[in-house]
Protein backbone atom coordinates (compact mmCIF):
# COMPACT_ATOMS: atom_id res chain seq x y z
CA MET A 1 119.93 43.66 130.71
CA PRO A 2 123.72 43.23 130.91
CA GLU A 3 123.95 45.61 133.88
CA VAL A 4 120.90 44.05 135.51
CA ARG A 5 122.48 40.60 135.17
CA ARG A 6 125.81 41.80 136.53
CA HIS A 7 124.19 43.32 139.60
CA ALA A 8 121.86 40.33 139.96
CA GLY A 9 124.83 37.95 139.90
CA GLU A 10 126.53 39.86 142.68
CA LEU A 11 123.30 39.97 144.68
CA VAL A 12 122.79 36.21 144.36
CA THR A 13 126.36 35.51 145.50
CA LEU A 14 126.09 37.88 148.46
CA ARG A 15 122.71 36.42 149.39
CA ALA A 16 124.21 32.92 149.57
CA ASP A 17 127.30 34.09 151.48
CA LEU A 18 125.15 35.95 153.99
CA ALA A 19 122.80 32.97 154.45
CA GLU A 20 125.74 30.63 155.16
CA MET A 21 127.44 33.13 157.42
CA SER A 22 124.28 33.83 159.41
CA LEU A 23 123.58 30.15 159.93
CA ASP A 24 127.18 29.45 160.96
CA LEU A 25 127.26 32.38 163.37
CA ARG A 26 123.97 31.32 165.00
CA ALA A 27 125.05 27.68 165.25
CA GLY A 28 128.61 27.99 166.39
CA GLY A 29 129.64 31.58 166.67
CA SER A 30 132.10 31.47 163.76
CA SER A 31 132.05 31.21 160.01
CA ALA A 32 134.58 30.71 157.24
CA HIS A 33 133.11 33.91 155.73
CA GLY A 34 133.89 35.98 158.83
CA GLY A 35 132.18 37.24 161.92
CA LEU A 36 129.55 39.78 162.83
CA PRO A 37 131.39 42.76 161.26
CA GLU A 38 131.63 40.92 157.94
CA ALA A 39 127.97 39.93 158.14
CA LYS A 40 127.00 43.57 158.68
CA ALA A 41 129.16 44.57 155.71
CA LEU A 42 127.41 41.96 153.52
CA GLU A 43 124.01 43.22 154.66
CA ALA A 44 125.02 46.79 153.78
CA ARG A 45 126.26 45.75 150.33
CA LEU A 46 123.08 43.76 149.72
CA SER A 47 121.04 46.85 150.59
CA GLU A 48 123.17 48.94 148.18
CA LEU A 49 122.55 46.44 145.39
CA ILE A 50 118.80 46.46 145.95
CA SER A 51 118.92 50.28 145.91
CA TRP A 52 120.76 50.18 142.57
CA PHE A 53 117.76 48.46 140.99
CA SER A 54 115.39 51.08 142.42
CA ASP A 55 117.68 53.87 141.20
CA GLN A 56 117.29 52.44 137.68
CA GLY A 57 113.49 52.62 137.96
CA LEU A 58 113.20 48.86 138.47
CA GLU A 59 111.23 47.10 141.18
CA VAL A 60 112.74 44.27 143.21
CA LYS A 61 109.76 42.10 144.12
CA GLY A 62 111.72 39.31 145.80
CA VAL A 63 115.30 38.42 146.65
CA ALA A 64 115.09 34.63 147.00
CA PRO A 65 114.66 33.99 144.17
CA LEU A 66 115.49 37.40 142.75
CA LEU A 67 112.47 38.82 140.94
CA VAL A 68 112.77 42.14 139.12
CA ASP A 69 109.96 44.06 137.43
CA PHE A 70 110.48 46.64 134.68
CA PRO A 71 107.60 49.14 134.43
CA ALA A 72 106.25 49.28 130.87
CA GLU A 73 103.17 49.64 128.74
CA LEU A 74 101.85 46.96 126.39
CA GLU A 75 98.99 47.76 124.01
CA GLY A 76 97.97 50.70 126.18
CA VAL A 77 97.93 48.67 129.42
CA SER A 78 100.28 49.26 132.35
CA VAL A 79 102.40 46.14 132.75
CA ARG A 80 105.59 44.97 134.37
CA LEU A 81 108.14 43.14 132.29
CA CYS A 82 109.15 40.40 134.68
CA TRP A 83 112.58 38.79 135.06
CA LEU A 84 113.18 35.92 137.46
CA GLU A 85 116.64 34.84 138.53
CA GLY A 86 118.00 32.19 136.19
CA GLU A 87 115.93 33.16 133.16
CA PRO A 88 118.05 33.69 130.04
CA GLU A 89 116.13 36.76 128.85
CA LEU A 90 113.41 39.24 129.63
CA GLY A 91 110.53 37.27 128.14
CA TRP A 92 107.59 37.59 130.54
CA TYR A 93 105.15 40.26 131.67
CA HIS A 94 102.14 40.71 133.90
CA ARG A 95 99.55 43.41 134.29
CA THR A 96 100.57 45.87 136.97
CA ASP A 97 97.39 45.25 138.94
CA LEU A 98 97.82 41.46 138.93
CA GLY A 99 101.41 40.81 139.90
CA ILE A 100 103.25 37.59 139.18
CA VAL A 101 100.08 35.48 139.41
CA GLY A 102 99.12 36.97 136.02
CA ARG A 103 102.50 36.28 134.43
CA ARG A 104 102.45 35.61 130.68
CA ARG A 105 105.03 35.25 127.90
CA LEU A 106 105.69 38.42 125.96
CA PRO A 107 103.98 38.31 122.56
CA ASP A 108 106.24 37.87 119.52
């Protein structure tokens, strides 16, 4: 989880920077974060970060908020351990075939 959190923190920061920059560029043509080249660089870095999760065997299910699934098995059933941005630990799961709508706390 420490590496996941480190990468997640960077992703969240980049996501916010890119959102502000995109809005500023559309509204007035300039942004304190830079121009179009900087926006393209942020988009590329965001894509790299999302790829890092996939390279680790993790599934990014959403980026705003960041939702990451960890493939696992629980009592013989295929599940996804489910971490949502801002949660202090990996404490939730859902059956693979249900998705987040079936989200439950991990048993003790």
